[in-house]
Amino acid sequence: MGTYHYHYKLIATPANPSIHIANYAKYFNKIKQDFNSRTVTNPKKLKGIKLSKSMNNTIELDLWCKNKLCPGRELLGIRRVSEALADIDSRFIIGKSHVLVSA
């Protein structure tokens, strides 16, 4: 992992109740690779995306950052994963937003 010191565990669920997130598990590795290949000022890495064992229809994102994030900035990790899922299935889009919500 290198010098990634700050760890954030993010929990997210689809806002659209008709979506069963387990059906998209086969895409998690590709989404993680795409997320990690982004070049940004404060590098962030997704160590993993997995189905939650304790909450139904929910995923857990294991996010690491080089620098501490301002409060709420970690939610951009959920947004980026949500955007990637919306590229796979348009049902992740509600109105003009791609939606996974913090659980």
N, C-alpha and C. Protein backbone atom coordinates (compact mmCIF):
# COMPACT_ATOMS: atom_id res chain seq x y z
N MET A 1 0.82 -1.21 0.00
CA MET A 1 0.00 0.00 0.00
C MET A 1 0.86 1.26 0.00
N GLY A 2 2.13 1.17 0.28
CA GLY A 2 2.97 2.36 0.26
C GLY A 2 2.72 3.24 1.47
N THR A 3 2.65 4.55 1.25
CA THR A 3 2.52 5.51 2.34
C THR A 3 1.09 6.02 2.50
N TYR A 4 0.15 5.15 2.42
CA TYR A 4 -1.25 5.52 2.63
C TYR A 4 -1.56 5.33 4.11
N HIS A 5 -1.73 6.45 4.83
CA HIS A 5 -1.84 6.41 6.29
C HIS A 5 -3.27 6.49 6.82
N TYR A 6 -4.17 7.06 6.06
CA TYR A 6 -5.52 7.31 6.56
C TYR A 6 -6.50 6.32 5.95
N HIS A 7 -7.24 5.65 6.84
CA HIS A 7 -8.14 4.57 6.43
C HIS A 7 -9.59 4.99 6.68
N TYR A 8 -10.42 4.75 5.69
CA TYR A 8 -11.85 5.03 5.79
C TYR A 8 -12.61 3.79 5.34
N LYS A 9 -13.54 3.35 6.16
CA LYS A 9 -14.41 2.23 5.77
C LYS A 9 -15.77 2.84 5.45
N LEU A 10 -16.17 2.71 4.21
CA LEU A 10 -17.41 3.31 3.75
C LEU A 10 -18.44 2.22 3.50
N ILE A 11 -19.66 2.47 3.92
CA ILE A 11 -20.76 1.53 3.75
C ILE A 11 -21.77 2.20 2.83
N ALA A 12 -22.21 1.50 1.78
CA ALA A 12 -23.14 2.10 0.83
C ALA A 12 -24.16 1.07 0.35
N THR A 13 -25.34 1.58 0.04
CA THR A 13 -26.42 0.74 -0.47
C THR A 13 -27.11 1.47 -1.63
N PRO A 14 -27.66 0.76 -2.59
CA PRO A 14 -28.35 1.44 -3.69
C PRO A 14 -29.59 2.18 -3.18
N ALA A 15 -29.80 3.39 -3.69
CA ALA A 15 -31.01 4.14 -3.33
C ALA A 15 -32.23 3.51 -3.99
N ASN A 16 -32.03 2.86 -5.13
CA ASN A 16 -33.11 2.19 -5.84
C ASN A 16 -33.27 0.78 -5.24
N PRO A 17 -34.37 0.52 -4.53
CA PRO A 17 -34.52 -0.77 -3.85
C PRO A 17 -34.66 -1.97 -4.78
N SER A 18 -34.89 -1.73 -6.08
CA SER A 18 -35.01 -2.86 -7.01
C SER A 18 -33.64 -3.39 -7.44
N ILE A 19 -32.56 -2.71 -7.08
CA ILE A 19 -31.22 -3.15 -7.44
C ILE A 19 -30.69 -4.09 -6.37
N HIS A 20 -30.22 -5.24 -6.79
CA HIS A 20 -29.59 -6.20 -5.87
C HIS A 20 -28.09 -6.12 -6.11
N ILE A 21 -27.40 -5.47 -5.19
CA ILE A 21 -25.98 -5.15 -5.36
C ILE A 21 -25.13 -6.40 -5.57
N ALA A 22 -25.55 -7.54 -5.04
CA ALA A 22 -24.78 -8.78 -5.21
C ALA A 22 -24.65 -9.15 -6.69
N ASN A 23 -25.60 -8.73 -7.52
CA ASN A 23 -25.53 -9.02 -8.95
C ASN A 23 -24.38 -8.30 -9.64
N TYR A 24 -23.77 -7.34 -8.97
CA TYR A 24 -22.71 -6.53 -9.57
C TYR A 24 -21.34 -6.85 -8.99
N ALA A 25 -21.27 -7.85 -8.13
CA ALA A 25 -20.00 -8.21 -7.48
C ALA A 25 -18.92 -8.55 -8.50
N LYS A 26 -19.31 -9.12 -9.62
CA LYS A 26 -18.31 -9.49 -10.64
C LYS A 26 -17.60 -8.27 -11.22
N TYR A 27 -18.16 -7.08 -11.05
CA TYR A 27 -17.55 -5.85 -11.56
C TYR A 27 -16.66 -5.14 -10.54
N PHE A 28 -16.68 -5.58 -9.28
CA PHE A 28 -15.99 -4.86 -8.22
C PHE A 28 -14.49 -4.72 -8.48
N ASN A 29 -13.85 -5.77 -8.97
CA ASN A 29 -12.41 -5.70 -9.20
C ASN A 29 -12.07 -4.68 -10.28
N LYS A 30 -12.84 -4.64 -11.36
CA LYS A 30 -12.62 -3.66 -12.43
C LYS A 30 -12.86 -2.24 -11.92
N ILE A 31 -13.92 -2.05 -11.14
CA ILE A 31 -14.20 -0.73 -10.57
C ILE A 31 -13.05 -0.29 -9.68
N LYS A 32 -12.54 -1.21 -8.88
CA LYS A 32 -11.40 -0.90 -8.00
C LYS A 32 -10.18 -0.51 -8.82
N GLN A 33 -9.88 -1.26 -9.87
CA GLN A 33 -8.73 -0.95 -10.72
C GLN A 33 -8.87 0.43 -11.36
N ASP A 34 -10.06 0.74 -11.87
CA ASP A 34 -10.29 2.04 -12.49
C ASP A 34 -10.15 3.17 -11.47
N PHE A 35 -10.70 2.97 -10.28
CA PHE A 35 -10.61 3.96 -9.20
C PHE A 35 -9.14 4.22 -8.87
N ASN A 36 -8.37 3.16 -8.74
CA ASN A 36 -6.97 3.29 -8.32
C ASN A 36 -6.07 3.85 -9.41
N SER A 37 -6.52 3.86 -10.64
CA SER A 37 -5.68 4.38 -11.72
C SER A 37 -5.84 5.89 -11.92
N ARG A 38 -6.76 6.50 -11.19
CA ARG A 38 -6.97 7.95 -11.30
C ARG A 38 -5.79 8.70 -10.71
N THR A 39 -5.41 9.81 -11.34
CA THR A 39 -4.35 10.66 -10.83
C THR A 39 -5.00 11.88 -10.18
N VAL A 40 -4.78 12.03 -8.88
CA VAL A 40 -5.35 13.15 -8.13
C VAL A 40 -4.30 13.74 -7.20
N THR A 41 -4.57 14.94 -6.67
CA THR A 41 -3.63 15.62 -5.79
C THR A 41 -3.38 14.84 -4.51
N ASN A 42 -4.45 14.39 -3.87
CA ASN A 42 -4.34 13.58 -2.65
C ASN A 42 -4.67 12.14 -3.05
N PRO A 43 -3.66 11.33 -3.36
CA PRO A 43 -3.92 9.97 -3.83
C PRO A 43 -4.77 9.15 -2.86
N LYS A 44 -5.73 8.45 -3.45
CA LYS A 44 -6.61 7.56 -2.70
C LYS A 44 -6.58 6.20 -3.39
N LYS A 45 -6.66 5.16 -2.59
CA LYS A 45 -6.67 3.80 -3.14
C LYS A 45 -7.82 3.03 -2.51
N LEU A 46 -8.53 2.32 -3.36
CA LEU A 46 -9.52 1.37 -2.86
C LEU A 46 -8.80 0.05 -2.67
N LYS A 47 -8.69 -0.38 -1.44
CA LYS A 47 -8.07 -1.68 -1.19
C LYS A 47 -9.05 -2.79 -1.52
N GLY A 48 -10.33 -2.50 -1.34
CA GLY A 48 -11.32 -3.52 -1.64
C GLY A 48 -12.74 -3.00 -1.68
N ILE A 49 -13.57 -3.71 -2.41
CA ILE A 49 -15.01 -3.52 -2.44
C ILE A 49 -15.60 -4.90 -2.18
N LYS A 50 -16.45 -5.01 -1.19
CA LYS A 50 -17.04 -6.32 -0.91
C LYS A 50 -18.47 -6.18 -0.44
N LEU A 51 -19.20 -7.25 -0.58
CA LEU A 51 -20.56 -7.29 -0.06
C LEU A 51 -20.50 -7.33 1.46
N SER A 52 -21.37 -6.57 2.09
CA SER A 52 -21.42 -6.56 3.55
C SER A 52 -22.00 -7.88 4.06
N LYS A 53 -21.40 -8.40 5.10
CA LYS A 53 -21.92 -9.62 5.72
C LYS A 53 -22.96 -9.29 6.78
N SER A 54 -22.97 -8.04 7.26
CA SER A 54 -23.86 -7.68 8.36
C SER A 54 -25.09 -6.88 7.92
N MET A 55 -25.07 -6.34 6.69
CA MET A 55 -26.20 -5.54 6.21
C MET A 55 -26.63 -6.03 4.83
N ASN A 56 -27.91 -6.21 4.64
CA ASN A 56 -28.43 -6.67 3.35
C ASN A 56 -28.26 -5.62 2.27
N ASN A 57 -27.97 -6.08 1.06
CA ASN A 57 -27.90 -5.24 -0.13
C ASN A 57 -26.98 -4.03 0.05
N THR A 58 -25.84 -4.28 0.66
CA THR A 58 -24.90 -3.21 1.01
C THR A 58 -23.48 -3.64 0.67
N ILE A 59 -22.66 -2.65 0.27
CA ILE A 59 -21.25 -2.92 0.02
C ILE A 59 -20.39 -2.14 1.01
N GLU A 60 -19.20 -2.64 1.21
CA GLU A 60 -18.20 -1.98 2.05
C GLU A 60 -17.02 -1.61 1.17
N LEU A 61 -16.60 -0.36 1.27
CA LEU A 61 -15.44 0.14 0.52
C LEU A 61 -14.31 0.38 1.50
N ASP A 62 -13.17 -0.16 1.21
CA ASP A 62 -11.98 -0.02 2.04
C ASP A 62 -11.07 1.01 1.38
N LEU A 63 -11.15 2.28 1.82
CA LEU A 63 -10.47 3.40 1.18
C LEU A 63 -9.27 3.85 2.02
N TRP A 64 -8.14 4.06 1.35
CA TRP A 64 -6.92 4.55 1.99
C TRP A 64 -6.48 5.83 1.30
N CYS A 65 -5.98 6.80 2.08
CA CYS A 65 -5.52 8.08 1.54
C CYS A 65 -4.15 8.42 2.09
N LYS A 66 -3.38 9.15 1.29
CA LYS A 66 -2.06 9.60 1.75
C LYS A 66 -2.21 10.70 2.80
N ASN A 67 -3.17 11.61 2.60
CA ASN A 67 -3.39 12.73 3.52
C ASN A 67 -4.79 12.63 4.10
N LYS A 68 -4.96 13.18 5.29
CA LYS A 68 -6.27 13.17 5.93
C LYS A 68 -7.26 13.96 5.08
N LEU A 69 -8.47 13.44 4.97
CA LEU A 69 -9.51 14.10 4.19
C LEU A 69 -10.32 15.05 5.06
N CYS A 70 -10.80 16.14 4.46
CA CYS A 70 -11.72 17.03 5.15
C CYS A 70 -13.01 16.25 5.42
N PRO A 71 -13.74 16.59 6.49
CA PRO A 71 -14.98 15.86 6.78
C PRO A 71 -15.91 15.81 5.57
N GLY A 72 -16.39 14.64 5.27
CA GLY A 72 -17.31 14.43 4.16
C GLY A 72 -16.65 14.10 2.84
N ARG A 73 -15.37 14.38 2.69
CA ARG A 73 -14.68 14.13 1.42
C ARG A 73 -14.57 12.63 1.11
N GLU A 74 -14.59 11.81 2.14
CA GLU A 74 -14.50 10.37 1.90
C GLU A 74 -15.72 9.87 1.12
N LEU A 75 -16.81 10.63 1.19
CA LEU A 75 -18.02 10.23 0.47
C LEU A 75 -17.84 10.31 -1.04
N LEU A 76 -16.82 11.03 -1.50
CA LEU A 76 -16.52 11.05 -2.94
C LEU A 76 -16.14 9.65 -3.42
N GLY A 77 -15.60 8.84 -2.52
CA GLY A 77 -15.30 7.45 -2.88
C GLY A 77 -16.56 6.71 -3.25
N ILE A 78 -17.62 6.92 -2.47
CA ILE A 78 -18.91 6.30 -2.78
C ILE A 78 -19.41 6.83 -4.12
N ARG A 79 -19.27 8.12 -4.35
CA ARG A 79 -19.74 8.71 -5.60
C ARG A 79 -19.03 8.10 -6.80
N ARG A 80 -17.73 7.94 -6.71
CA ARG A 80 -16.99 7.38 -7.86
C ARG A 80 -17.41 5.94 -8.14
N VAL A 81 -17.62 5.16 -7.10
CA VAL A 81 -18.09 3.78 -7.29
C VAL A 81 -19.50 3.80 -7.87
N SER A 82 -20.33 4.71 -7.38
CA SER A 82 -21.69 4.85 -7.89
C SER A 82 -21.69 5.20 -9.38
N GLU A 83 -20.80 6.11 -9.79
CA GLU A 83 -20.69 6.47 -11.20
C GLU A 83 -20.31 5.25 -12.05
N ALA A 84 -19.39 4.46 -11.54
CA ALA A 84 -18.95 3.27 -12.27
C ALA A 84 -20.10 2.27 -12.40
N LEU A 85 -20.87 2.09 -11.35
CA LEU A 85 -22.01 1.18 -11.41
C LEU A 85 -23.08 1.71 -12.36
N ALA A 86 -23.26 3.03 -12.40
CA ALA A 86 -24.24 3.63 -13.31
C ALA A 86 -23.84 3.42 -14.76
N ASP A 87 -22.54 3.34 -15.03
CA ASP A 87 -22.09 3.03 -16.39
C ASP A 87 -22.48 1.61 -16.80
N ILE A 88 -22.62 0.73 -15.82
CA ILE A 88 -22.98 -0.66 -16.06
C ILE A 88 -24.49 -0.82 -16.16
N ASP A 89 -25.22 -0.14 -15.29
CA ASP A 89 -26.68 -0.28 -15.22
C ASP A 89 -27.30 1.09 -14.92
N SER A 90 -28.10 1.58 -15.83
CA SER A 90 -28.68 2.92 -15.68
C SER A 90 -29.68 3.01 -14.52
N ARG A 91 -30.10 1.88 -13.97
CA ARG A 91 -31.01 1.94 -12.82
C ARG A 91 -30.34 2.54 -11.59
N PHE A 92 -29.01 2.66 -11.61
CA PHE A 92 -28.31 3.32 -10.51
C PHE A 92 -28.50 4.84 -10.58
N ILE A 93 -29.10 5.33 -11.67
CA ILE A 93 -29.32 6.77 -11.84
C ILE A 93 -30.75 7.09 -11.45
N ILE A 94 -30.89 8.07 -10.56
CA ILE A 94 -32.21 8.56 -10.17
C ILE A 94 -32.20 10.05 -10.49
N GLY A 95 -33.09 10.47 -11.37
CA GLY A 95 -33.05 11.85 -11.85
C GLY A 95 -31.78 12.05 -12.65
N LYS A 96 -30.93 12.96 -12.20
CA LYS A 96 -29.66 13.19 -12.88
C LYS A 96 -28.49 12.67 -12.05
N SER A 97 -28.78 11.97 -10.98
CA SER A 97 -27.72 11.53 -10.07
C SER A 97 -27.51 10.03 -10.16
N HIS A 98 -26.25 9.61 -10.03
CA HIS A 98 -25.92 8.20 -9.90
C HIS A 98 -25.90 7.97 -8.40
N VAL A 99 -26.66 6.98 -7.95
CA VAL A 99 -26.94 6.96 -6.53
C VAL A 99 -26.59 5.65 -5.84
N LEU A 100 -25.60 5.73 -4.98
CA LEU A 100 -25.39 4.82 -3.87
C LEU A 100 -25.46 5.74 -2.67
N VAL A 101 -26.09 5.32 -1.62
CA VAL A 101 -26.18 6.19 -0.45
C VAL A 101 -25.39 5.58 0.70
N SER A 102 -24.85 6.45 1.52
CA SER A 102 -24.13 6.00 2.70
C SER A 102 -25.10 5.29 3.62
N ALA A 103 -24.71 4.12 4.08
CA ALA A 103 -25.61 3.32 4.92
C ALA A 103 -25.25 3.45 6.39
